[in-house]
PDB file of N, CA and C in Angstrom:
ATOM      1  N   MET A   1      94.864  47.443 164.117  1.00  0.00           N
ATOM      2  CA  MET A   1      96.104  47.035 164.727  1.00  0.00           C
ATOM      3  C   MET A   1      97.254  47.764 164.061  1.00  0.00           C
ATOM      4  N   THR A   2      98.198  48.135 164.840  1.00  0.00           N
ATOM      5  CA  THR A   2      99.370  48.822 164.306  1.00  0.00           C
ATOM      6  C   THR A   2     100.316  47.803 163.673  1.00  0.00           C
ATOM      7  N   PRO A   3     101.177  48.258 162.768  1.00  0.00           N
ATOM      8  CA  PRO A   3     102.164  47.341 162.178  1.00  0.00           C
ATOM      9  C   PRO A   3     103.038  46.655 163.228  1.00  0.00           C
ATOM     10  N   ASP A   4     103.368  47.367 164.320  1.00  0.00           N
ATOM     11  CA  ASP A   4     104.188  46.759 165.371  1.00  0.00           C
ATOM     12  C   ASP A   4     103.454  45.610 166.056  1.00  0.00           C
ATOM     13  N   LEU A   5     102.165  45.782 166.299  1.00  0.00           N
ATOM     14  CA  LEU A   5     101.383  44.711 166.925  1.00  0.00           C
ATOM     15  C   LEU A   5     101.251  43.510 165.993  1.00  0.00           C
ATOM     16  N   ILE A   6     101.042  43.777 164.719  1.00  0.00           N
ATOM     17  CA  ILE A   6     100.945  42.684 163.750  1.00  0.00           C
ATOM     18  C   ILE A   6     102.277  41.947 163.651  1.00  0.00           C
ATOM     19  N   ALA A   7     103.373  42.694 163.661  1.00  0.00           N
ATOM     20  CA  ALA A   7     104.699  42.071 163.613  1.00  0.00           C
ATOM     21  C   ALA A   7     104.926  41.185 164.841  1.00  0.00           C
ATOM     22  N   ALA A   8     104.492  41.650 166.006  1.00  0.00           N
ATOM     23  CA  ALA A   8     104.629  40.852 167.226  1.00  0.00           C
ATOM     24  C   ALA A   8     103.768  39.594 167.139  1.00  0.00           C
ATOM     25  N   LEU A   9     102.550  39.736 166.646  1.00  0.00           N
ATOM     26  CA  LEU A   9     101.656  38.589 166.482  1.00  0.00           C
ATOM     27  C   LEU A   9     102.250  37.582 165.495  1.00  0.00           C
ATOM     28  N   ALA A  10     102.727  38.076 164.364  1.00  0.00           N
ATOM     29  CA  ALA A  10     103.316  37.203 163.348  1.00  0.00           C
ATOM     30  C   ALA A  10     104.545  36.485 163.902  1.00  0.00           C
ATOM     31  N   GLY A  11     105.361  37.201 164.641  1.00  0.00           N
ATOM     32  CA  GLY A  11     106.545  36.587 165.238  1.00  0.00           C
ATOM     33  C   GLY A  11     106.180  35.482 166.220  1.00  0.00           C
ATOM     34  N   ALA A  12     105.178  35.735 167.042  1.00  0.00           N
ATOM     35  CA  ALA A  12     104.731  34.720 167.998  1.00  0.00           C
ATOM     36  C   ALA A  12     104.160  33.501 167.280  1.00  0.00           C
ATOM     37  N   CYS A  13     103.406  33.739 166.211  1.00  0.00           N
ATOM     38  CA  CYS A  13     102.860  32.623 165.430  1.00  0.00           C
ATOM     39  C   CYS A  13     103.988  31.785 164.832  1.00  0.00           C
ATOM     40  N   ARG A  14     104.965  32.452 164.248  1.00  0.00           N
ATOM     41  CA  ARG A  14     106.092  31.748 163.632  1.00  0.00           C
ATOM     42  C   ARG A  14     106.871  30.954 164.676  1.00  0.00           C
ATOM     43  N   GLU A  15     107.189  31.589 165.793  1.00  0.00           N
ATOM     44  CA  GLU A  15     107.988  30.941 166.838  1.00  0.00           C
ATOM     45  C   GLU A  15     107.281  29.737 167.457  1.00  0.00           C
ATOM     46  N   ASN A  16     105.963  29.779 167.512  1.00  0.00           N
ATOM     47  CA  ASN A  16     105.199  28.700 168.147  1.00  0.00           C
ATOM     48  C   ASN A  16     104.615  27.706 167.154  1.00  0.00           C
ATOM     49  N   GLY A  17     104.897  27.909 165.869  1.00  0.00           N
ATOM     50  CA  GLY A  17     104.375  26.995 164.860  1.00  0.00           C
ATOM     51  C   GLY A  17     102.870  27.108 164.649  1.00  0.00           C
ATOM     52  N   THR A  18     102.323  28.262 164.972  1.00  0.00           N
ATOM     53  CA  THR A  18     100.890  28.481 164.820  1.00  0.00           C
ATOM     54  C   THR A  18     100.550  28.666 163.351  1.00  0.00           C
ATOM     55  N   VAL A  19      99.507  27.993 162.923  1.00  0.00           N
ATOM     56  CA  VAL A  19      99.025  28.109 161.550  1.00  0.00           C
ATOM     57  C   VAL A  19      97.868  29.105 161.542  1.00  0.00           C
ATOM     58  N   VAL A  20      97.883  30.031 160.603  1.00  0.00           N
ATOM     59  CA  VAL A  20      96.827  31.044 160.504  1.00  0.00           C
ATOM     60  C   VAL A  20      95.864  30.653 159.394  1.00  0.00           C
ATOM     61  N   GLU A  21      94.602  30.585 159.748  1.00  0.00           N
ATOM     62  CA  GLU A  21      93.549  30.225 158.802  1.00  0.00           C
ATOM     63  C   GLU A  21      93.019  31.483 158.130  1.00  0.00           C
ATOM     64  N   VAL A  22      92.870  31.439 156.817  1.00  0.00           N
ATOM     65  CA  VAL A  22      92.305  32.547 156.056  1.00  0.00           C
ATOM     66  C   VAL A  22      90.924  32.103 155.580  1.00  0.00           C
ATOM     67  N   SER A  23      89.900  32.810 156.018  1.00  0.00           N
ATOM     68  CA  SER A  23      88.517  32.407 155.767  1.00  0.00           C
ATOM     69  C   SER A  23      87.943  33.068 154.520  1.00  0.00           C
ATOM     70  N   GLU A  24      87.496  32.240 153.601  1.00  0.00           N
ATOM     71  CA  GLU A  24      86.830  32.724 152.397  1.00  0.00           C
ATOM     72  C   GLU A  24      85.496  33.386 152.757  1.00  0.00           C
ATOM     73  N   ALA A  25      84.695  32.712 153.547  1.00  0.00           N
ATOM     74  CA  ALA A  25      83.356  33.216 153.860  1.00  0.00           C
ATOM     75  C   ALA A  25      83.393  34.493 154.696  1.00  0.00           C
ATOM     76  N   TRP A  26      84.288  34.555 155.656  1.00  0.00           N
ATOM     77  CA  TRP A  26      84.346  35.700 156.558  1.00  0.00           C
ATOM     78  C   TRP A  26      85.301  36.794 156.092  1.00  0.00           C
ATOM     79  N   ARG A  27      86.031  36.509 155.011  1.00  0.00           N
ATOM     80  CA  ARG A  27      86.977  37.503 154.471  1.00  0.00           C
ATOM     81  C   ARG A  27      87.918  38.013 155.553  1.00  0.00           C
ATOM     82  N   SER A  28      88.472  37.056 156.298  1.00  0.00           N
ATOM     83  CA  SER A  28      89.372  37.433 157.371  1.00  0.00           C
ATOM     84  C   SER A  28      90.486  36.391 157.483  1.00  0.00           C
ATOM     85  N   PRO A  29      91.640  36.790 157.975  1.00  0.00           N
ATOM     86  CA  PRO A  29      92.010  38.144 158.362  1.00  0.00           C
ATOM     87  C   PRO A  29      92.107  39.064 157.140  1.00  0.00           C
ATOM     88  N   SER A  30      92.354  40.321 157.412  1.00  0.00           N
ATOM     89  CA  SER A  30      92.439  41.309 156.336  1.00  0.00           C
ATOM     90  C   SER A  30      93.621  41.018 155.413  1.00  0.00           C
ATOM     91  N   ALA A  31      93.556  41.575 154.227  1.00  0.00           N
ATOM     92  CA  ALA A  31      94.642  41.402 153.255  1.00  0.00           C
ATOM     93  C   ALA A  31      95.964  41.920 153.820  1.00  0.00           C
ATOM     94  N   ARG A  32      95.916  43.009 154.566  1.00  0.00           N
ATOM     95  CA  ARG A  32      97.135  43.579 155.166  1.00  0.00           C
ATOM     96  C   ARG A  32      97.745  42.609 156.165  1.00  0.00           C
ATOM     97  N   LEU A  33      96.908  42.019 157.019  1.00  0.00           N
ATOM     98  CA  LEU A  33      97.421  41.079 158.010  1.00  0.00           C
ATOM     99  C   LEU A  33      97.951  39.820 157.339  1.00  0.00           C
ATOM    100  N   VAL A  34      97.240  39.326 156.327  1.00  0.00           N
ATOM    101  CA  VAL A  34      97.714  38.142 155.594  1.00  0.00           C
ATOM    102  C   VAL A  34      99.092  38.409 154.997  1.00  0.00           C
ATOM    103  N   ALA A  35      99.263  39.562 154.366  1.00  0.00           N
ATOM    104  CA  ALA A  35     100.551  39.895 153.750  1.00  0.00           C
ATOM    105  C   ALA A  35     101.673  39.954 154.787  1.00  0.00           C
ATOM    106  N   MET A  36     101.378  40.527 155.935  1.00  0.00           N
ATOM    107  CA  MET A  36     102.419  40.673 156.956  1.00  0.00           C
ATOM    108  C   MET A  36     102.793  39.342 157.595  1.00  0.00           C
ATOM    109  N   VAL A  37     101.800  38.484 157.865  1.00  0.00           N
ATOM    110  CA  VAL A  37     102.158  37.200 158.471  1.00  0.00           C
ATOM    111  C   VAL A  37     102.828  36.286 157.449  1.00  0.00           C
ATOM    112  N   ARG A  38     102.412  36.380 156.188  1.00  0.00           N
ATOM    113  CA  ARG A  38     103.084  35.600 155.143  1.00  0.00           C
ATOM    114  C   ARG A  38     104.536  36.036 155.019  1.00  0.00           C
ATOM    115  N   ALA A  39     104.773  37.342 155.026  1.00  0.00           N
ATOM    116  CA  ALA A  39     106.139  37.857 154.925  1.00  0.00           C
ATOM    117  C   ALA A  39     106.998  37.424 156.116  1.00  0.00           C
ATOM    118  N   ALA A  40     106.347  37.171 157.251  1.00  0.00           N
ATOM    119  CA  ALA A  40     107.074  36.742 158.446  1.00  0.00           C
ATOM    120  C   ALA A  40     107.333  35.233 158.459  1.00  0.00           C
ATOM    121  N   GLY A  41     106.852  34.544 157.430  1.00  0.00           N
ATOM    122  CA  GLY A  41     107.104  33.109 157.335  1.00  0.00           C
ATOM    123  C   GLY A  41     106.100  32.243 158.063  1.00  0.00           C
ATOM    124  N   VAL A  42     104.933  32.795 158.373  1.00  0.00           N
ATOM    125  CA  VAL A  42     103.888  32.038 159.057  1.00  0.00           C
ATOM    126  C   VAL A  42     103.137  31.194 158.024  1.00  0.00           C
ATOM    127  N   THR A  43     102.807  29.966 158.401  1.00  0.00           N
ATOM    128  CA  THR A  43     102.041  29.087 157.524  1.00  0.00           C
ATOM    129  C   THR A  43     100.590  29.536 157.490  1.00  0.00           C
ATOM    130  N   LEU A  44     100.049  29.674 156.283  1.00  0.00           N
ATOM    131  CA  LEU A  44      98.649  30.038 156.092  1.00  0.00           C
ATOM    132  C   LEU A  44      97.906  28.859 155.487  1.00  0.00           C
ATOM    133  N   VAL A  45      96.661  28.666 155.914  1.00  0.00           N
ATOM    134  CA  VAL A  45      95.829  27.615 155.343  1.00  0.00           C
ATOM    135  C   VAL A  45      94.478  28.199 154.946  1.00  0.00           C
ATOM    136  N   PRO A  46      93.880  27.672 153.864  1.00  0.00           N
ATOM    137  CA  PRO A  46      92.572  28.170 153.435  1.00  0.00           C
ATOM    138  C   PRO A  46      91.448  27.522 154.229  1.00  0.00           C
ATOM    139  N   ALA A  47      90.371  28.275 154.404  1.00  0.00           N
ATOM    140  CA  ALA A  47      89.158  27.751 155.018  1.00  0.00           C
ATOM    141  C   ALA A  47      87.973  28.315 154.261  1.00  0.00           C
ATOM    142  N   SER A  48      87.100  27.446 153.793  1.00  0.00           N
ATOM    143  CA  SER A  48      85.956  27.947 153.027  1.00  0.00           C
ATOM    144  C   SER A  48      84.845  28.448 153.944  1.00  0.00           C
ATOM    145  N   ASP A  49      84.628  27.800 155.093  1.00  0.00           N
ATOM    146  CA  ASP A  49      83.533  28.155 156.001  1.00  0.00           C
ATOM    147  C   ASP A  49      82.221  28.286 155.238  1.00  0.00           C
ATOM    148  N   ALA A  50      82.065  27.455 154.215  1.00  0.00           N
ATOM    149  CA  ALA A  50      80.910  27.538 153.321  1.00  0.00           C
ATOM    150  C   ALA A  50      79.618  27.130 154.016  1.00  0.00           C
ATOM    151  N   ARG A  51      78.565  27.827 153.688  1.00  0.00           N
ATOM    152  CA  ARG A  51      77.235  27.472 154.194  1.00  0.00           C
ATOM    153  C   ARG A  51      76.576  26.433 153.306  1.00  0.00           C
ATOM    154  N   TYR A  52      76.952  26.393 152.041  1.00  0.00           N
ATOM    155  CA  TYR A  52      76.343  25.482 151.077  1.00  0.00           C
ATOM    156  C   TYR A  52      77.437  24.667 150.394  1.00  0.00           C
ATOM    157  N   ALA A  53      77.125  23.417 150.077  1.00  0.00           N
ATOM    158  CA  ALA A  53      78.107  22.518 149.472  1.00  0.00           C
ATOM    159  C   ALA A  53      78.705  23.092 148.192  1.00  0.00           C
ATOM    160  N   ALA A  54      77.913  23.785 147.396  1.00  0.00           N
ATOM    161  CA  ALA A  54      78.396  24.335 146.128  1.00  0.00           C
ATOM    162  C   ALA A  54      79.455  25.424 146.328  1.00  0.00           C
ATOM    163  N   GLU A  55      79.541  25.980 147.538  1.00  0.00           N
ATOM    164  CA  GLU A  55      80.507  27.045 147.816  1.00  0.00           C
ATOM    165  C   GLU A  55      81.872  26.506 148.264  1.00  0.00           C
ATOM    166  N   VAL A  56      81.940  25.238 148.620  1.00  0.00           N
ATOM    167  CA  VAL A  56      83.196  24.661 149.112  1.00  0.00           C
ATOM    168  C   VAL A  56      84.237  24.687 147.997  1.00  0.00           C
ATOM    169  N   GLY A  57      85.399  25.220 148.311  1.00  0.00           N
ATOM    170  CA  GLY A  57      86.482  25.270 147.335  1.00  0.00           C
ATOM    171  C   GLY A  57      86.360  26.369 146.300  1.00  0.00           C
ATOM    172  N   ARG A  58      85.412  27.265 146.468  1.00  0.00           N
ATOM    173  CA  ARG A  58      85.274  28.410 145.548  1.00  0.00           C
ATOM    174  C   ARG A  58      86.032  29.585 146.150  1.00  0.00           C
ATOM    175  N   TRP A  59      87.260  29.760 145.711  1.00  0.00           N
ATOM    176  CA  TRP A  59      88.140  30.757 146.307  1.00  0.00           C
ATOM    177  C   TRP A  59      88.115  32.050 145.512  1.00  0.00           C
ATOM    178  N   GLN A  60      87.609  33.103 146.080  1.00  0.00           N
ATOM    179  CA  GLN A  60      87.680  34.428 145.469  1.00  0.00           C
ATOM    180  C   GLN A  60      88.547  35.344 146.348  1.00  0.00           C
ATOM    181  N   TYR A  61      88.151  35.467 147.611  1.00  0.00           N
ATOM    182  CA  TYR A  61      88.919  36.302 148.545  1.00  0.00           C
ATOM    183  C   TYR A  61      90.341  35.774 148.690  1.00  0.00           C
ATOM    184  N   LEU A  62      90.472  34.460 148.823  1.00  0.00           N
ATOM    185  CA  LEU A  62      91.795  33.873 149.017  1.00  0.00           C
ATOM    186  C   LEU A  62      92.714  34.131 147.832  1.00  0.00           C
ATOM    187  N   ARG A  63      92.182  34.140 146.648  1.00  0.00           N
ATOM    188  CA  ARG A  63      93.030  34.454 145.473  1.00  0.00           C
ATOM    189  C   ARG A  63      93.516  35.898 145.517  1.00  0.00           C
ATOM    190  N   ARG A  64      92.651  36.792 146.016  1.00  0.00           N
ATOM    191  CA  ARG A  64      93.036  38.205 146.082  1.00  0.00           C
ATOM    192  C   ARG A  64      94.111  38.466 147.129  1.00  0.00           C
ATOM    193  N   VAL A  65      94.024  37.773 148.256  1.00  0.00           N
ATOM    194  CA  VAL A  65      94.994  38.041 149.315  1.00  0.00           C
ATOM    195  C   VAL A  65      96.189  37.138 149.199  1.00  0.00           C
TER     196      VAL A  65
END
């Protein structure tokens, strides 16, 4: 996605109160997209999407982004 498309997406999310989920297990969205939507003032929430109970709340990707 181009920066212009991400900016449009982030703007639409902000204007509509859309919350963007950041997935630990799926490592998505990308660090670039997370940074751009965060800079646009979009609310981000963590999601573990863990397959095993021991993985719930173990944030590695989320700490990096």
